[in-house]
PDB file of all heavy atoms in Angstrom:
ATOM      1  N   MET A   1      15.989   4.151  21.780  1.00  0.00           N
ATOM      2  CA  MET A   1      16.746   3.021  21.290  1.00  0.00           C
ATOM      3  C   MET A   1      17.141   3.271  19.853  1.00  0.00           C
ATOM      4  O   MET A   1      16.389   3.824  19.065  1.00  0.00           O
ATOM      5  CB  MET A   1      15.895   1.756  21.374  1.00  0.00           C
ATOM      6  CG  MET A   1      16.637   0.528  20.969  1.00  0.00           C
ATOM      7  SD  MET A   1      15.610  -0.930  21.184  1.00  0.00           S
ATOM      8  CE  MET A   1      15.859  -1.663  19.611  1.00  0.00           C
ATOM      9  N   LYS A   2      18.337   2.854  19.502  1.00  0.00           N
ATOM     10  CA  LYS A   2      18.799   2.999  18.128  1.00  0.00           C
ATOM     11  C   LYS A   2      18.049   2.034  17.218  1.00  0.00           C
ATOM     12  O   LYS A   2      17.692   0.941  17.617  1.00  0.00           O
ATOM     13  CB  LYS A   2      20.295   2.704  18.032  1.00  0.00           C
ATOM     14  CG  LYS A   2      21.161   3.719  18.720  1.00  0.00           C
ATOM     15  CD  LYS A   2      22.610   3.359  18.549  1.00  0.00           C
ATOM     16  CE  LYS A   2      23.490   4.353  19.265  1.00  0.00           C
ATOM     17  NZ  LYS A   2      24.903   4.011  19.158  1.00  0.00           N
ATOM     18  N   GLU A   3      17.828   2.461  16.002  1.00  0.00           N
ATOM     19  CA  GLU A   3      17.188   1.596  15.014  1.00  0.00           C
ATOM     20  C   GLU A   3      18.173   0.504  14.591  1.00  0.00           C
ATOM     21  O   GLU A   3      19.358   0.748  14.417  1.00  0.00           O
ATOM     22  CB  GLU A   3      16.788   2.426  13.792  1.00  0.00           C
ATOM     23  CG  GLU A   3      15.836   1.737  12.859  1.00  0.00           C
ATOM     24  CD  GLU A   3      14.472   1.472  13.472  1.00  0.00           C
ATOM     25  OE1 GLU A   3      14.024   2.252  14.317  1.00  0.00           O
ATOM     26  OE2 GLU A   3      13.872   0.460  13.090  1.00  0.00           O
ATOM     27  N   ILE A   4      17.674  -0.707  14.452  1.00  0.00           N
ATOM     28  CA  ILE A   4      18.522  -1.824  14.055  1.00  0.00           C
ATOM     29  C   ILE A   4      18.690  -1.774  12.545  1.00  0.00           C
ATOM     30  O   ILE A   4      17.715  -1.810  11.802  1.00  0.00           O
ATOM     31  CB  ILE A   4      17.911  -3.165  14.497  1.00  0.00           C
ATOM     32  CG1 ILE A   4      17.829  -3.178  16.017  1.00  0.00           C
ATOM     33  CG2 ILE A   4      18.731  -4.335  13.987  1.00  0.00           C
ATOM     34  CD1 ILE A   4      17.055  -4.327  16.563  1.00  0.00           C
ATOM     35  N   ALA A   5      19.932  -1.670  12.093  1.00  0.00           N
ATOM     36  CA  ALA A   5      20.215  -1.521  10.668  1.00  0.00           C
ATOM     37  C   ALA A   5      20.760  -2.817  10.088  1.00  0.00           C
ATOM     38  O   ALA A   5      21.947  -2.959   9.855  1.00  0.00           O
ATOM     39  CB  ALA A   5      21.195  -0.383  10.458  1.00  0.00           C
ATOM     40  N   VAL A   6      19.877  -3.758   9.857  1.00  0.00           N
ATOM     41  CA  VAL A   6      20.255  -5.019   9.220  1.00  0.00           C
ATOM     42  C   VAL A   6      19.440  -5.097   7.938  1.00  0.00           C
ATOM     43  O   VAL A   6      18.219  -5.106   7.974  1.00  0.00           O
ATOM     44  CB  VAL A   6      19.945  -6.233  10.126  1.00  0.00           C
ATOM     45  CG1 VAL A   6      20.296  -7.519   9.418  1.00  0.00           C
ATOM     46  CG2 VAL A   6      20.700  -6.117  11.433  1.00  0.00           C
ATOM     47  N   GLU A   7      20.108  -5.126   6.802  1.00  0.00           N
ATOM     48  CA  GLU A   7      19.409  -5.119   5.531  1.00  0.00           C
ATOM     49  C   GLU A   7      19.380  -6.481   4.857  1.00  0.00           C
ATOM     50  O   GLU A   7      18.482  -6.763   4.083  1.00  0.00           O
ATOM     51  CB  GLU A   7      20.038  -4.089   4.605  1.00  0.00           C
ATOM     52  CG  GLU A   7      19.896  -2.670   5.140  1.00  0.00           C
ATOM     53  CD  GLU A   7      20.576  -1.657   4.255  1.00  0.00           C
ATOM     54  OE1 GLU A   7      20.981  -2.013   3.135  1.00  0.00           O
ATOM     55  OE2 GLU A   7      20.701  -0.510   4.688  1.00  0.00           O
ATOM     56  N   LYS A   8      20.397  -7.300   5.126  1.00  0.00           N
ATOM     57  CA  LYS A   8      20.484  -8.615   4.498  1.00  0.00           C
ATOM     58  C   LYS A   8      20.867  -9.660   5.524  1.00  0.00           C
ATOM     59  O   LYS A   8      21.608  -9.383   6.455  1.00  0.00           O
ATOM     60  CB  LYS A   8      21.552  -8.624   3.399  1.00  0.00           C
ATOM     61  CG  LYS A   8      21.147  -7.982   2.118  1.00  0.00           C
ATOM     62  CD  LYS A   8      22.220  -8.236   1.088  1.00  0.00           C
ATOM     63  CE  LYS A   8      21.735  -7.847  -0.282  1.00  0.00           C
ATOM     64  NZ  LYS A   8      22.710  -8.190  -1.303  1.00  0.00           N
ATOM     65  N   CYS A   9      20.396 -10.866   5.292  1.00  0.00           N
ATOM     66  CA  CYS A   9      20.797 -11.985   6.136  1.00  0.00           C
ATOM     67  C   CYS A   9      22.249 -12.329   5.792  1.00  0.00           C
ATOM     68  O   CYS A   9      22.582 -12.522   4.625  1.00  0.00           O
ATOM     69  CB  CYS A   9      19.894 -13.190   5.856  1.00  0.00           C
ATOM     70  SG  CYS A   9      20.394 -14.686   6.714  1.00  0.00           S
ATOM     71  N   PRO A  10      23.126 -12.385   6.785  1.00  0.00           N
ATOM     72  CA  PRO A  10      24.526 -12.693   6.498  1.00  0.00           C
ATOM     73  C   PRO A  10      24.746 -14.147   6.080  1.00  0.00           C
ATOM     74  O   PRO A  10      25.801 -14.491   5.569  1.00  0.00           O
ATOM     75  CB  PRO A  10      25.241 -12.391   7.818  1.00  0.00           C
ATOM     76  CG  PRO A  10      24.187 -12.478   8.854  1.00  0.00           C
ATOM     77  CD  PRO A  10      22.904 -12.097   8.191  1.00  0.00           C
ATOM     78  N   TYR A  11      23.759 -15.005   6.256  1.00  0.00           N
ATOM     79  CA  TYR A  11      23.906 -16.426   5.919  1.00  0.00           C
ATOM     80  C   TYR A  11      23.477 -16.732   4.490  1.00  0.00           C
ATOM     81  O   TYR A  11      24.189 -17.374   3.745  1.00  0.00           O
ATOM     82  CB  TYR A  11      23.109 -17.294   6.898  1.00  0.00           C
ATOM     83  CG  TYR A  11      23.569 -17.118   8.316  1.00  0.00           C
ATOM     84  CD1 TYR A  11      22.859 -16.320   9.193  1.00  0.00           C
ATOM     85  CD2 TYR A  11      24.734 -17.727   8.763  1.00  0.00           C
ATOM     86  CE1 TYR A  11      23.291 -16.136  10.485  1.00  0.00           C
ATOM     87  CE2 TYR A  11      25.171 -17.544  10.060  1.00  0.00           C
ATOM     88  CZ  TYR A  11      24.448 -16.750  10.916  1.00  0.00           C
ATOM     89  OH  TYR A  11      24.877 -16.561  12.199  1.00  0.00           O
ATOM     90  N   CYS A  12      22.264 -16.251   4.111  1.00  0.00           N
ATOM     91  CA  CYS A  12      21.744 -16.605   2.790  1.00  0.00           C
ATOM     92  C   CYS A  12      21.587 -15.405   1.854  1.00  0.00           C
ATOM     93  O   CYS A  12      21.294 -15.575   0.685  1.00  0.00           O
ATOM     94  CB  CYS A  12      20.406 -17.333   2.929  1.00  0.00           C
ATOM     95  SG  CYS A  12      19.022 -16.255   3.384  1.00  0.00           S
ATOM     96  N   GLY A  13      21.746 -14.194   2.392  1.00  0.00           N
ATOM     97  CA  GLY A  13      21.586 -12.999   1.568  1.00  0.00           C
ATOM     98  C   GLY A  13      20.140 -12.550   1.428  1.00  0.00           C
ATOM     99  O   GLY A  13      19.851 -11.617   0.693  1.00  0.00           O
ATOM    100  N   GLY A  14      19.220 -13.220   2.120  1.00  0.00           N
ATOM    101  CA  GLY A  14      17.808 -12.835   2.079  1.00  0.00           C
ATOM    102  C   GLY A  14      17.618 -11.400   2.539  1.00  0.00           C
ATOM    103  O   GLY A  14      18.309 -10.925   3.430  1.00  0.00           O
ATOM    104  N   GLU A  15      16.674 -10.726   1.923  1.00  0.00           N
ATOM    105  CA  GLU A  15      16.471  -9.310   2.222  1.00  0.00           C
ATOM    106  C   GLU A  15      15.213  -9.032   3.033  1.00  0.00           C
ATOM    107  O   GLU A  15      14.851  -7.884   3.244  1.00  0.00           O
ATOM    108  CB  GLU A  15      16.437  -8.520   0.920  1.00  0.00           C
ATOM    109  CG  GLU A  15      17.764  -8.570   0.195  1.00  0.00           C
ATOM    110  CD  GLU A  15      17.783  -7.734  -1.071  1.00  0.00           C
ATOM    111  OE1 GLU A  15      16.770  -7.089  -1.378  1.00  0.00           O
ATOM    112  OE2 GLU A  15      18.818  -7.742  -1.731  1.00  0.00           O
ATOM    113  N   GLU A  16      14.562 -10.068   3.502  1.00  0.00           N
ATOM    114  CA  GLU A  16      13.349  -9.864   4.289  1.00  0.00           C
ATOM    115  C   GLU A  16      13.556 -10.422   5.699  1.00  0.00           C
ATOM    116  O   GLU A  16      13.402 -11.606   5.950  1.00  0.00           O
ATOM    117  CB  GLU A  16      12.150 -10.539   3.624  1.00  0.00           C
ATOM    118  CG  GLU A  16      10.847 -10.074   4.189  1.00  0.00           C
ATOM    119  CD  GLU A  16       9.653 -10.552   3.379  1.00  0.00           C
ATOM    120  OE1 GLU A  16       9.823 -11.089   2.278  1.00  0.00           O
ATOM    121  OE2 GLU A  16       8.539 -10.387   3.895  1.00  0.00           O
ATOM    122  N   LEU A  17      13.939  -9.535   6.607  1.00  0.00           N
ATOM    123  CA  LEU A  17      14.124  -9.888   8.012  1.00  0.00           C
ATOM    124  C   LEU A  17      12.925  -9.369   8.781  1.00  0.00           C
ATOM    125  O   LEU A  17      12.548  -8.208   8.659  1.00  0.00           O
ATOM    126  CB  LEU A  17      15.417  -9.292   8.554  1.00  0.00           C
ATOM    127  CG  LEU A  17      16.689  -9.794   7.879  1.00  0.00           C
ATOM    128  CD1 LEU A  17      17.881  -8.987   8.347  1.00  0.00           C
ATOM    129  CD2 LEU A  17      16.906 -11.256   8.157  1.00  0.00           C
ATOM    130  N   LYS A  18      12.316 -10.217   9.574  1.00  0.00           N
ATOM    131  CA  LYS A  18      11.116  -9.850  10.323  1.00  0.00           C
ATOM    132  C   LYS A  18      11.399  -9.805  11.812  1.00  0.00           C
ATOM    133  O   LYS A  18      12.116 -10.652  12.344  1.00  0.00           O
ATOM    134  CB  LYS A  18       9.993 -10.860  10.067  1.00  0.00           C
ATOM    135  CG  LYS A  18       9.465 -10.831   8.657  1.00  0.00           C
ATOM    136  CD  LYS A  18       8.773  -9.516   8.407  1.00  0.00           C
ATOM    137  CE  LYS A  18       8.199  -9.460   7.011  1.00  0.00           C
ATOM    138  NZ  LYS A  18       7.583  -8.190   6.714  1.00  0.00           N
ATOM    139  N   GLU A  19      10.809  -8.822  12.472  1.00  0.00           N
ATOM    140  CA  GLU A  19      10.916  -8.715  13.921  1.00  0.00           C
ATOM    141  C   GLU A  19       9.851  -9.612  14.539  1.00  0.00           C
ATOM    142  O   GLU A  19       8.689  -9.548  14.168  1.00  0.00           O
ATOM    143  CB  GLU A  19      10.687  -7.274  14.352  1.00  0.00           C
ATOM    144  CG  GLU A  19      10.689  -7.100  15.847  1.00  0.00           C
ATOM    145  CD  GLU A  19      10.365  -5.683  16.228  1.00  0.00           C
ATOM    146  OE1 GLU A  19       9.160  -5.352  16.267  1.00  0.00           O
ATOM    147  OE2 GLU A  19      11.303  -4.923  16.473  1.00  0.00           O
ATOM    148  N   CYS A  20      10.265 -10.461  15.464  1.00  0.00           N
ATOM    149  CA  CYS A  20       9.350 -11.381  16.138  1.00  0.00           C
ATOM    150  C   CYS A  20       9.557 -11.267  17.642  1.00  0.00           C
ATOM    151  O   CYS A  20      10.677 -11.153  18.115  1.00  0.00           O
ATOM    152  CB  CYS A  20       9.629 -12.821  15.725  1.00  0.00           C
ATOM    153  SG  CYS A  20       9.523 -13.076  13.962  1.00  0.00           S
ATOM    154  N   ARG A  21       8.471 -11.332  18.373  1.00  0.00           N
ATOM    155  CA  ARG A  21       8.553 -11.318  19.839  1.00  0.00           C
ATOM    156  C   ARG A  21       8.731 -12.748  20.331  1.00  0.00           C
ATOM    157  O   ARG A  21       8.019 -13.656  19.904  1.00  0.00           O
ATOM    158  CB  ARG A  21       7.284 -10.725  20.431  1.00  0.00           C
ATOM    159  CG  ARG A  21       7.355 -10.616  21.930  1.00  0.00           C
ATOM    160  CD  ARG A  21       6.103  -9.976  22.472  1.00  0.00           C
ATOM    161  NE  ARG A  21       6.108 -10.131  23.912  1.00  0.00           N
ATOM    162  CZ  ARG A  21       5.597  -9.277  24.741  1.00  0.00           C
ATOM    163  NH1 ARG A  21       5.014  -8.194  24.288  1.00  0.00           N
ATOM    164  NH2 ARG A  21       5.640  -9.497  26.029  1.00  0.00           N
ATOM    165  N   VAL A  22       9.679 -12.956  21.227  1.00  0.00           N
ATOM    166  CA  VAL A  22       9.933 -14.272  21.807  1.00  0.00           C
ATOM    167  C   VAL A  22       8.923 -14.497  22.922  1.00  0.00           C
ATOM    168  O   VAL A  22       8.787 -13.669  23.813  1.00  0.00           O
ATOM    169  CB  VAL A  22      11.380 -14.363  22.347  1.00  0.00           C
ATOM    170  CG1 VAL A  22      11.636 -15.704  22.980  1.00  0.00           C
ATOM    171  CG2 VAL A  22      12.379 -14.093  21.224  1.00  0.00           C
ATOM    172  N   GLU A  23       8.196 -15.598  22.878  1.00  0.00           N
ATOM    173  CA  GLU A  23       7.143 -15.890  23.849  1.00  0.00           C
ATOM    174  C   GLU A  23       7.561 -17.029  24.783  1.00  0.00           C
ATOM    175  O   GLU A  23       8.647 -17.572  24.668  1.00  0.00           O
ATOM    176  CB  GLU A  23       5.851 -16.275  23.118  1.00  0.00           C
ATOM    177  CG  GLU A  23       5.255 -15.150  22.295  1.00  0.00           C
ATOM    178  CD  GLU A  23       4.623 -14.052  23.133  1.00  0.00           C
ATOM    179  OE1 GLU A  23       4.246 -14.308  24.296  1.00  0.00           O
ATOM    180  OE2 GLU A  23       4.517 -12.927  22.621  1.00  0.00           O
ATOM    181  N   SER A  24       6.677 -17.416  25.678  1.00  0.00           N
ATOM    182  CA  SER A  24       6.891 -18.504  26.637  1.00  0.00           C
ATOM    183  C   SER A  24       8.083 -18.254  27.549  1.00  0.00           C
ATOM    184  O   SER A  24       9.127 -18.874  27.429  1.00  0.00           O
ATOM    185  CB  SER A  24       7.078 -19.842  25.919  1.00  0.00           C
ATOM    186  OG  SER A  24       5.854 -20.368  25.554  1.00  0.00           O
TER     187      SER A  24
END
């Protein structure tokens, strides 16, 4: 799988994007 290259949030410019697993 290709690495996801997202460095900034396009909405607020935040630089800390976290990977989360969707549950339920």
